[in-house]
Amino acid sequence: MAIQRPKGTQDLLPGTIEQWQYLEETIRSVCRDFGYEEIRTPIFEATELFQRGVGQTTDIVKKEMYTFLDKGDRSMTLRPEGTASVCRAYVENKLYGQPLPVKLYYIGPMFRYERPQSGRFRQFHQFGVEVLGADQPLVDAEVISLVWNLYQRLGLAGLEVHLNSVGCPTCRATHREQLQKFLTPKKAELCDDCQERFERNPLRILDCKNPNCQAVTEGAPTTLDTLCPDCGAHFEKVLSLLREAGVAYRTNPRLVRGLDYYTKTAFEVMVEEIGAQSAICGGGRYDGLVQEIEGPATPGIGFAMGLERVLAALQVQGKFSERRSKPFAMLIALGDKAQNEGFSLVSALRARGIPVSMDLLGRSLKAQLKMANREGAEFALILGEEELERGVLLLRDLTSGDQIEVPVNEAVEVVCMKQQRGV
């Protein structure tokens, strides 16, 4: 049997990769407009970073990480998410010495061993933003506004931001006590994972997708019920700013996110009809994470979105037309001498930034013209033995069929002029 790609991974082929490039270019454009700079971190990190940064009680750390021993018997893990790595880079490279806040974004592959399904892969790609060094509600609103702006530029419809505040360590202690008191008589009805969460992190029980656990927690105290005055004022200010920005949102007191490091603002962006889940972005504030990995006290907020899920939403909503890259022209060379002259001409055009293709297999004129039309070229540059002797080539408009003779030594300028004019 032929070797196949690992389960839960994809081959991104021509015809599809152009959609990825379009999405990534739009992301980078939005980030530039908002003043965010790109960061790239290693694909694997010390396992301890994710154990401490993501949280020992999370499904990611307990069940989903790709962890291995390297040749020095050090435990390494393929990164399952980006925030912990960015915070590690922030501390290790002393980015806190720069003017604050530090506004960063990343795009890259992540790895989680989970059951592949629509919109979920074992190797997937995330775009994420992290703002480190500012705790004002305005920062939260800007981060959410960046997400909203990106989706508006992409043309996605039917979006809604779900918002909650999970509080700070002070008010979360009060919520923990009330939640455990509410759940104690029903603890045996919870799933095995939630029974374990009951002592270690009961807040995450509210995030369980098990229908039975959702029924058990119906009417349970929420974090919004126990917010301290500071957290309550912070949350109200965020909501006020989002209203000013025209962001469609609703509060969702059951939204707690699946990572241990969140404080105060937590949010997800929902869209229908993209598979097993409707969330295409999630994030929140993590004011204690940098300290958790032995950095200075640094407030932070960020989000991550799976690019596969965004692309799925764009495809479902019909936002993608054919995006495969097309040459502006195709050089059709007939015979060895014409190929030599044609290759020189193609090289000169490419040096001027003109997308131009050339047949590499010595096909017939008819076959090469058919190939030019199939690739979507606007012009064909036809060079045969007769044209070589006269020092000209035939420039054929593949839309109208019109054809003119052009001196070979003027062909580069003529083609460049036509592209500039859009003719």
Protein backbone atom coordinates (compact mmCIF):
# COMPACT_ATOMS: atom_id res chain seq x y z
CA MET A 1 0.00 0.00 0.00
CA ALA A 2 1.27 3.46 -0.88
CA ILE A 3 2.27 5.71 2.01
CA GLN A 4 -0.54 8.11 2.89
CA ARG A 5 -0.64 11.35 4.86
CA PRO A 6 -1.20 10.99 8.63
CA LYS A 7 -4.79 10.94 9.85
CA GLY A 8 -6.08 14.40 10.67
CA THR A 9 -3.75 16.24 8.27
CA GLN A 10 -4.27 17.77 4.83
CA ASP A 11 -2.41 18.33 1.59
CA LEU A 12 -3.07 21.92 0.50
CA LEU A 13 -2.95 21.78 -3.28
CA PRO A 14 -2.86 24.38 -6.08
CA GLY A 15 -6.39 25.67 -6.60
CA THR A 16 -6.94 25.64 -2.83
CA ILE A 17 -3.72 27.19 -1.60
CA GLU A 18 -4.67 30.47 -3.31
CA GLN A 19 -7.61 30.74 -0.92
CA TRP A 20 -5.21 30.34 2.00
CA GLN A 21 -2.94 33.00 0.55
CA TYR A 22 -5.85 35.39 0.13
CA LEU A 23 -6.92 34.84 3.75
CA GLU A 24 -3.38 35.29 5.07
CA GLU A 25 -2.86 38.45 3.00
CA THR A 26 -6.10 39.90 4.37
CA ILE A 27 -5.03 39.02 7.92
CA ARG A 28 -1.68 40.75 7.48
CA SER A 29 -3.34 43.81 5.98
CA VAL A 30 -5.72 44.16 8.94
CA CYS A 31 -2.91 43.66 11.44
CA ARG A 32 -0.84 46.37 9.76
CA ASP A 33 -3.81 48.73 9.93
CA PHE A 34 -4.19 48.05 13.67
CA GLY A 35 -0.45 48.40 14.37
CA TYR A 36 0.35 44.75 15.18
CA GLU A 37 3.71 43.15 14.34
CA GLU A 38 4.33 39.51 13.37
CA ILE A 39 6.14 37.06 15.64
CA ARG A 40 7.24 33.50 14.78
CA THR A 41 7.98 31.00 17.53
CA PRO A 42 9.29 27.39 17.40
CA ILE A 43 6.89 24.63 16.39
CA PHE A 44 8.01 22.61 19.43
CA GLU A 45 8.69 23.85 22.96
CA ALA A 46 9.55 22.41 26.36
CA THR A 47 6.51 20.46 27.56
CA GLU A 48 6.54 22.35 30.86
CA LEU A 49 5.64 25.57 29.05
CA PHE A 50 2.24 24.21 28.06
CA GLN A 51 1.70 22.38 31.34
CA ARG A 52 2.15 25.64 33.21
CA GLY A 53 0.89 28.04 30.57
CA VAL A 54 -2.18 26.22 29.26
CA GLY A 55 -3.05 24.40 32.50
CA GLN A 56 -2.75 20.89 33.88
CA THR A 57 -6.54 20.47 34.05
CA THR A 58 -7.22 21.28 30.40
CA ASP A 59 -8.10 18.64 27.82
CA ILE A 60 -5.24 19.95 25.69
CA VAL A 61 -2.58 19.07 28.28
CA LYS A 62 -4.24 15.93 29.62
CA LYS A 63 -5.27 14.31 26.34
CA GLU A 64 -4.27 16.09 23.16
CA MET A 65 -0.59 17.09 23.13
CA TYR A 66 2.01 15.51 20.86
CA THR A 67 4.80 15.02 23.41
CA PHE A 68 8.12 13.24 22.90
CA LEU A 69 11.60 12.88 24.38
CA ASP A 70 14.38 14.35 22.28
CA LYS A 71 17.85 12.78 22.05
CA GLY A 72 18.83 14.58 25.25
CA ASP A 73 15.89 12.97 27.11
CA ARG A 74 14.16 16.35 27.35
CA SER A 75 10.37 16.36 27.11
CA MET A 76 9.26 18.38 24.10
CA THR A 77 5.78 19.10 22.75
CA LEU A 78 4.53 20.22 19.35
CA ARG A 79 2.77 23.47 20.14
CA PRO A 80 -0.98 22.95 20.61
CA GLU A 81 -1.70 26.71 20.75
CA GLY A 82 0.20 29.96 20.34
CA THR A 83 -0.31 32.13 23.41
CA ALA A 84 2.05 30.32 25.76
CA SER A 85 4.84 30.41 23.17
CA VAL A 86 4.36 34.14 22.55
CA CYS A 87 4.47 34.83 26.28
CA ARG A 88 7.63 32.73 26.61
CA ALA A 89 9.22 34.73 23.76
CA TYR A 90 8.09 37.96 25.42
CA VAL A 91 9.88 37.00 28.65
CA GLU A 92 12.98 35.37 27.13
CA ASN A 93 13.64 38.23 24.71
CA LYS A 94 12.80 40.92 27.29
CA LEU A 95 10.17 42.51 25.08
CA TYR A 96 8.80 44.11 28.24
CA GLY A 97 11.69 46.57 27.90
CA GLN A 98 10.00 48.05 24.83
CA PRO A 99 7.30 50.74 24.98
CA LEU A 100 4.10 49.07 26.12
CA PRO A 101 1.81 47.59 25.10
CA VAL A 102 3.53 45.08 22.83
CA LYS A 103 1.08 44.16 20.04
CA LEU A 104 1.89 40.91 18.23
CA TYR A 105 0.28 38.46 15.82
CA TYR A 106 1.22 35.02 14.50
CA ILE A 107 0.12 32.62 11.78
CA GLY A 108 1.23 28.98 11.82
CA PRO A 109 0.52 25.29 12.33
CA MET A 110 -0.58 23.84 15.69
CA PHE A 111 -0.94 20.19 16.71
CA ARG A 112 -3.51 18.37 18.84
CA TYR A 113 -4.26 14.66 18.96
CA GLU A 114 -8.03 14.68 18.78
CA ARG A 115 -10.71 12.94 16.75
CA PRO A 116 -10.68 14.40 13.22
CA GLN A 117 -14.03 15.72 12.02
CA SER A 118 -15.38 18.56 9.92
CA GLY A 119 -13.40 21.66 10.84
CA ARG A 120 -11.08 19.77 13.22
CA PHE A 121 -7.65 18.43 12.32
CA ARG A 122 -4.62 17.09 14.17
CA GLN A 123 -2.43 19.55 12.35
CA PHE A 124 -4.32 22.81 11.93
CA HIS A 125 -3.43 26.45 11.40
CA GLN A 126 -4.10 29.39 13.66
CA PHE A 127 -3.99 33.12 13.36
CA GLY A 128 -3.66 34.76 16.75
CA VAL A 129 -3.13 38.17 18.31
CA GLU A 130 -1.58 38.96 21.70
CA VAL A 131 -1.40 42.34 23.43
CA LEU A 132 0.95 42.38 26.41
CA GLY A 133 1.38 45.16 28.93
CA ALA A 134 -2.05 46.85 29.12
CA ASP A 135 -5.12 46.02 31.20
CA GLN A 136 -7.55 48.75 30.15
CA PRO A 137 -11.00 47.77 28.78
CA LEU A 138 -10.09 49.73 25.64
CA VAL A 139 -7.49 47.07 24.82
CA ASP A 140 -10.09 44.30 25.09
CA ALA A 141 -12.40 46.24 22.80
CA GLU A 142 -9.65 46.85 20.24
CA VAL A 143 -8.73 43.16 20.09
CA ILE A 144 -12.36 42.15 19.54
CA SER A 145 -12.78 44.97 17.04
CA LEU A 146 -9.79 43.65 15.06
CA VAL A 147 -11.50 40.27 14.76
CA TRP A 148 -14.74 41.92 13.70
CA ASN A 149 -12.96 44.11 11.15
CA LEU A 150 -11.22 41.10 9.62
CA TYR A 151 -14.46 39.19 9.16
CA GLN A 152 -16.13 42.26 7.65
CA ARG A 153 -13.32 42.58 5.09
CA LEU A 154 -13.66 38.92 4.23
CA GLY A 155 -17.38 39.43 3.69
CA LEU A 156 -18.57 36.89 6.27
CA ALA A 157 -22.19 37.28 7.35
CA GLY A 158 -24.28 35.96 10.23
CA LEU A 159 -21.60 36.55 12.86
CA GLU A 160 -22.12 37.17 16.55
CA VAL A 161 -19.60 37.79 19.33
CA HIS A 162 -20.38 35.94 22.56
CA LEU A 163 -18.95 37.65 25.63
CA ASN A 164 -18.48 36.84 29.28
CA SER A 165 -16.28 37.87 32.18
CA VAL A 166 -14.71 35.03 34.15
CA GLY A 167 -13.51 37.47 36.80
CA CYS A 168 -10.24 37.77 38.69
CA PRO A 169 -8.78 35.44 41.35
CA THR A 170 -10.70 37.34 44.06
CA CYS A 171 -14.21 37.07 42.65
CA ARG A 172 -13.50 33.69 41.09
CA ALA A 173 -12.91 32.26 44.57
CA THR A 174 -16.41 33.36 45.53
CA HIS A 175 -17.86 31.82 42.37
CA ARG A 176 -15.93 28.58 42.93
CA GLU A 177 -17.42 28.23 46.41
CA GLN A 178 -20.96 28.90 45.20
CA LEU A 179 -20.62 26.61 42.19
CA GLN A 180 -19.26 23.70 44.23
CA LYS A 181 -22.07 24.18 46.75
CA PHE A 182 -24.62 24.07 43.90
CA LEU A 183 -23.07 20.98 42.29
CA THR A 184 -22.27 18.90 45.40
CA PRO A 185 -25.71 17.16 45.51
CA LYS A 186 -25.44 16.43 41.76
CA LYS A 187 -21.77 15.54 41.54
CA ALA A 188 -22.42 11.86 40.80
CA GLU A 189 -24.42 12.84 37.72
CA LEU A 190 -21.46 14.61 36.11
CA CYS A 191 -19.24 12.93 33.52
CA ASP A 192 -15.88 11.53 34.64
CA ASP A 193 -13.97 14.56 33.37
CA CYS A 194 -16.24 16.98 35.21
CA GLN A 195 -16.05 14.99 38.43
CA GLU A 196 -12.29 15.45 38.25
CA ARG A 197 -12.74 19.16 37.45
CA PHE A 198 -14.98 19.57 40.49
CA GLU A 199 -12.00 20.00 42.82
CA ARG A 200 -9.32 21.27 40.46
CA ASN A 201 -11.21 23.75 38.28
CA PRO A 202 -15.01 23.62 38.72
CA LEU A 203 -15.52 26.64 36.44
CA ARG A 204 -14.70 24.44 33.45
CA ILE A 205 -17.70 22.23 34.20
CA LEU A 206 -19.83 25.03 32.74
CA ASP A 207 -17.94 24.59 29.46
CA CYS A 208 -18.54 20.84 29.19
CA LYS A 209 -20.28 19.82 25.95
CA ASN A 210 -21.76 16.65 27.47
CA PRO A 211 -25.57 17.12 27.29
CA ASN A 212 -26.02 15.51 30.71
CA CYS A 213 -23.53 17.90 32.32
CA GLN A 214 -25.24 20.83 30.62
CA ALA A 215 -28.54 19.71 32.14
CA VAL A 216 -26.97 19.25 35.60
CA THR A 217 -25.50 22.76 35.54
CA GLU A 218 -28.73 24.42 34.40
CA GLY A 219 -29.35 27.30 36.81
CA ALA A 220 -25.84 27.10 38.32
CA PRO A 221 -24.24 30.34 39.59
CA THR A 222 -22.32 32.11 36.82
CA THR A 223 -19.24 34.27 37.01
CA LEU A 224 -21.37 37.32 36.15
CA ASP A 225 -23.28 36.72 39.41
CA THR A 226 -20.12 37.08 41.50
CA LEU A 227 -18.00 39.72 39.75
CA CYS A 228 -16.20 42.09 42.10
CA PRO A 229 -16.77 45.85 41.49
CA ASP A 230 -13.54 46.18 39.50
CA CYS A 231 -14.28 43.24 37.20
CA GLY A 232 -17.89 44.34 36.80
CA ALA A 233 -16.89 47.89 35.79
CA HIS A 234 -14.25 46.49 33.40
CA PHE A 235 -16.81 44.28 31.67
CA GLU A 236 -19.42 47.02 31.35
CA LYS A 237 -16.85 49.35 29.79
CA VAL A 238 -15.88 46.70 27.24
CA LEU A 239 -19.53 46.24 26.27
CA SER A 240 -19.99 50.00 25.97
CA LEU A 241 -16.98 50.35 23.68
CA LEU A 242 -18.14 47.49 21.45
CA ARG A 243 -21.53 49.13 21.07
CA GLU A 244 -19.76 52.32 19.99
CA ALA A 245 -17.80 50.29 17.40
CA GLY A 246 -20.92 48.63 16.01
CA VAL A 247 -19.86 45.10 16.97
CA ALA A 248 -22.80 42.68 17.23
CA TYR A 249 -22.51 40.82 20.53
CA ARG A 250 -24.46 39.09 23.24
CA THR A 251 -23.45 38.14 26.76
CA ASN A 252 -23.14 34.42 27.42
CA PRO A 253 -22.60 33.63 31.13
CA ARG A 254 -21.75 29.98 30.36
CA LEU A 255 -18.80 30.93 28.16
CA VAL A 256 -15.64 30.14 30.15
CA ARG A 257 -13.27 28.95 27.38
CA GLY A 258 -11.21 25.76 27.62
CA LEU A 259 -7.93 27.12 28.97
CA ASP A 260 -6.97 27.77 32.59
CA TYR A 261 -5.25 31.09 32.08
CA TYR A 262 -8.24 33.32 31.29
CA THR A 263 -9.26 36.24 33.54
CA LYS A 264 -11.96 38.88 33.07
CA THR A 265 -13.02 39.15 29.41
CA ALA A 266 -13.61 35.92 27.49
CA PHE A 267 -15.18 35.80 24.04
CA GLU A 268 -15.97 33.67 21.02
CA VAL A 269 -17.19 34.53 17.53
CA MET A 270 -19.98 32.29 16.26
CA VAL A 271 -21.13 31.50 12.73
CA GLU A 272 -23.53 28.79 11.61
CA GLU A 273 -23.08 25.81 9.27
CA ILE A 274 -19.35 25.05 9.47
CA GLY A 275 -19.36 21.58 11.01
CA ALA A 276 -19.24 20.18 14.50
CA GLN A 277 -18.94 23.56 16.19
CA SER A 278 -19.99 27.07 15.28
CA ALA A 279 -17.07 28.98 16.89
CA ILE A 280 -14.53 30.39 14.44
CA CYS A 281 -12.56 32.48 16.94
CA GLY A 282 -12.01 32.54 20.68
CA GLY A 283 -9.94 34.46 23.15
CA GLY A 284 -9.79 36.51 26.30
CA ARG A 285 -7.71 38.23 28.92
CA TYR A 286 -4.90 36.38 30.76
CA ASP A 287 -3.42 38.77 33.29
CA GLY A 288 -1.52 36.10 35.24
CA LEU A 289 -0.02 33.98 32.47
CA VAL A 290 3.31 35.77 32.04
CA GLN A 291 3.95 35.50 35.78
CA GLU A 292 3.02 31.81 35.66
CA ILE A 293 5.99 31.20 33.36
CA GLU A 294 8.28 33.28 35.60
CA GLY A 295 8.06 36.60 33.79
CA PRO A 296 7.26 40.00 35.28
CA ALA A 297 3.68 40.85 36.20
CA THR A 298 2.17 41.61 32.78
CA PRO A 299 -1.48 41.88 31.80
CA GLY A 300 -2.37 40.33 28.46
CA ILE A 301 -5.23 39.63 26.12
CA GLY A 302 -5.47 37.79 22.83
CA PHE A 303 -7.39 35.43 20.59
CA ALA A 304 -6.83 32.60 18.15
CA MET A 305 -8.83 31.50 15.15
CA GLY A 306 -8.50 28.29 13.17
CA LEU A 307 -7.89 29.17 9.54
CA GLU A 308 -9.51 25.93 8.37
CA ARG A 309 -12.74 26.95 10.08
CA VAL A 310 -12.65 30.47 8.63
CA LEU A 311 -12.09 29.04 5.15
CA ALA A 312 -14.97 26.61 5.68
CA ALA A 313 -17.26 29.51 6.62
CA LEU A 314 -16.17 31.49 3.55
CA GLN A 315 -16.83 28.50 1.31
CA VAL A 316 -20.26 27.77 2.84
CA GLN A 317 -21.27 31.40 2.33
CA GLY A 318 -20.01 31.41 -1.26
CA LYS A 319 -17.39 34.09 -0.69
CA PHE A 320 -14.72 32.37 -2.76
CA SER A 321 -14.59 32.69 -6.51
CA GLU A 322 -11.85 30.95 -8.50
CA ARG A 323 -8.60 32.25 -7.02
CA ARG A 324 -6.03 30.12 -8.76
CA SER A 325 -3.09 32.24 -9.90
CA LYS A 326 -3.06 33.00 -13.63
CA PRO A 327 -0.23 34.05 -15.95
CA PHE A 328 -0.67 37.35 -17.78
CA ALA A 329 0.92 35.82 -20.85
CA MET A 330 2.17 32.49 -22.17
CA LEU A 331 5.24 32.15 -24.36
CA ILE A 332 4.62 29.61 -27.15
CA ALA A 333 7.94 28.52 -28.62
CA LEU A 334 8.08 26.16 -31.61
CA GLY A 335 11.45 24.43 -32.05
CA ASP A 336 14.76 24.41 -30.18
CA LYS A 337 15.98 27.82 -31.37
CA ALA A 338 12.65 29.42 -30.50
CA GLN A 339 12.79 27.83 -27.05
CA ASN A 340 16.21 29.38 -26.41
CA GLU A 341 15.07 32.84 -27.53
CA GLY A 342 11.75 32.39 -25.74
CA PHE A 343 13.38 31.44 -22.47
CA SER A 344 15.45 34.63 -22.60
CA LEU A 345 12.28 36.65 -23.24
CA VAL A 346 10.38 34.92 -20.43
CA SER A 347 13.26 35.62 -18.03
CA ALA A 348 13.24 39.31 -18.96
CA LEU A 349 9.46 39.56 -18.45
CA ARG A 350 9.61 37.84 -15.08
CA ALA A 351 12.39 40.19 -14.00
CA ARG A 352 9.93 43.02 -14.69
CA GLY A 353 7.29 41.37 -12.49
CA ILE A 354 5.10 40.05 -15.32
CA PRO A 355 3.53 36.62 -14.58
CA VAL A 356 4.36 34.59 -17.67
CA SER A 357 4.25 30.87 -18.36
CA MET A 358 6.08 28.74 -20.91
CA ASP A 359 5.49 25.24 -22.22
CA LEU A 360 8.27 22.93 -21.00
CA LEU A 361 7.44 19.81 -23.02
CA GLY A 362 7.74 20.99 -26.65
CA ARG A 363 4.05 20.54 -27.49
CA SER A 364 2.43 21.55 -30.78
CA LEU A 365 1.08 25.06 -31.41
CA LYS A 366 -2.49 23.84 -30.98
CA ALA A 367 -1.68 22.10 -27.69
CA GLN A 368 0.17 25.13 -26.34
CA LEU A 369 -2.68 27.50 -27.22
CA LYS A 370 -5.09 25.14 -25.49
CA MET A 371 -2.82 25.16 -22.43
CA ALA A 372 -2.70 28.99 -22.48
CA ASN A 373 -6.49 29.18 -22.47
CA ARG A 374 -6.76 26.57 -19.73
CA GLU A 375 -4.35 28.53 -17.51
CA GLY A 376 -6.31 31.75 -18.09
CA ALA A 377 -3.55 33.72 -19.83
CA GLU A 378 -4.61 36.99 -21.46
CA PHE A 379 -2.01 36.93 -24.22
CA ALA A 380 0.03 34.39 -26.16
CA LEU A 381 3.51 35.27 -27.40
CA ILE A 382 4.05 33.00 -30.40
CA LEU A 383 7.61 32.44 -31.62
CA GLY A 384 8.43 30.00 -34.41
CA GLU A 385 11.27 29.56 -36.92
CA GLU A 386 9.71 31.98 -39.44
CA GLU A 387 9.25 34.65 -36.75
CA LEU A 388 12.82 34.12 -35.55
CA GLU A 389 14.20 34.74 -39.04
CA ARG A 390 12.28 38.03 -39.26
CA GLY A 391 13.09 39.06 -35.67
CA VAL A 392 9.42 39.30 -34.62
CA LEU A 393 6.89 37.41 -32.54
CA LEU A 394 3.11 37.20 -32.77
CA LEU A 395 1.21 38.79 -29.88
CA ARG A 396 -2.27 37.26 -29.75
CA ASP A 397 -5.08 38.53 -27.52
CA LEU A 398 -6.65 35.29 -26.30
CA THR A 399 -9.97 36.99 -25.51
CA SER A 400 -10.61 38.77 -28.80
CA GLY A 401 -8.38 36.67 -31.04
CA ASP A 402 -6.69 39.80 -32.43
CA GLN A 403 -3.05 39.33 -33.35
CA ILE A 404 -0.19 41.71 -34.14
CA GLU A 405 3.51 41.37 -34.97
CA VAL A 406 5.97 42.84 -32.47
CA PRO A 407 9.77 43.10 -32.90
CA VAL A 408 11.37 40.67 -30.46
CA ASN A 409 13.61 43.38 -29.05
CA GLU A 410 10.52 45.49 -28.23
CA ALA A 411 8.35 42.65 -26.89
CA VAL A 412 9.16 43.17 -23.18
CA GLU A 413 8.16 46.85 -23.29
CA VAL A 414 5.00 46.15 -25.28
CA VAL A 415 3.83 43.42 -22.87
CA CYS A 416 4.66 45.55 -19.83
CA MET A 417 2.70 48.46 -21.31
CA LYS A 418 -0.33 46.26 -21.94
CA GLN A 419 -0.31 44.97 -18.39
CA GLN A 420 -0.04 48.48 -16.96
CA ARG A 421 -2.96 49.63 -19.08
CA GLY A 422 -4.99 46.55 -18.26
CA VAL A 423 -5.42 45.97 -21.97
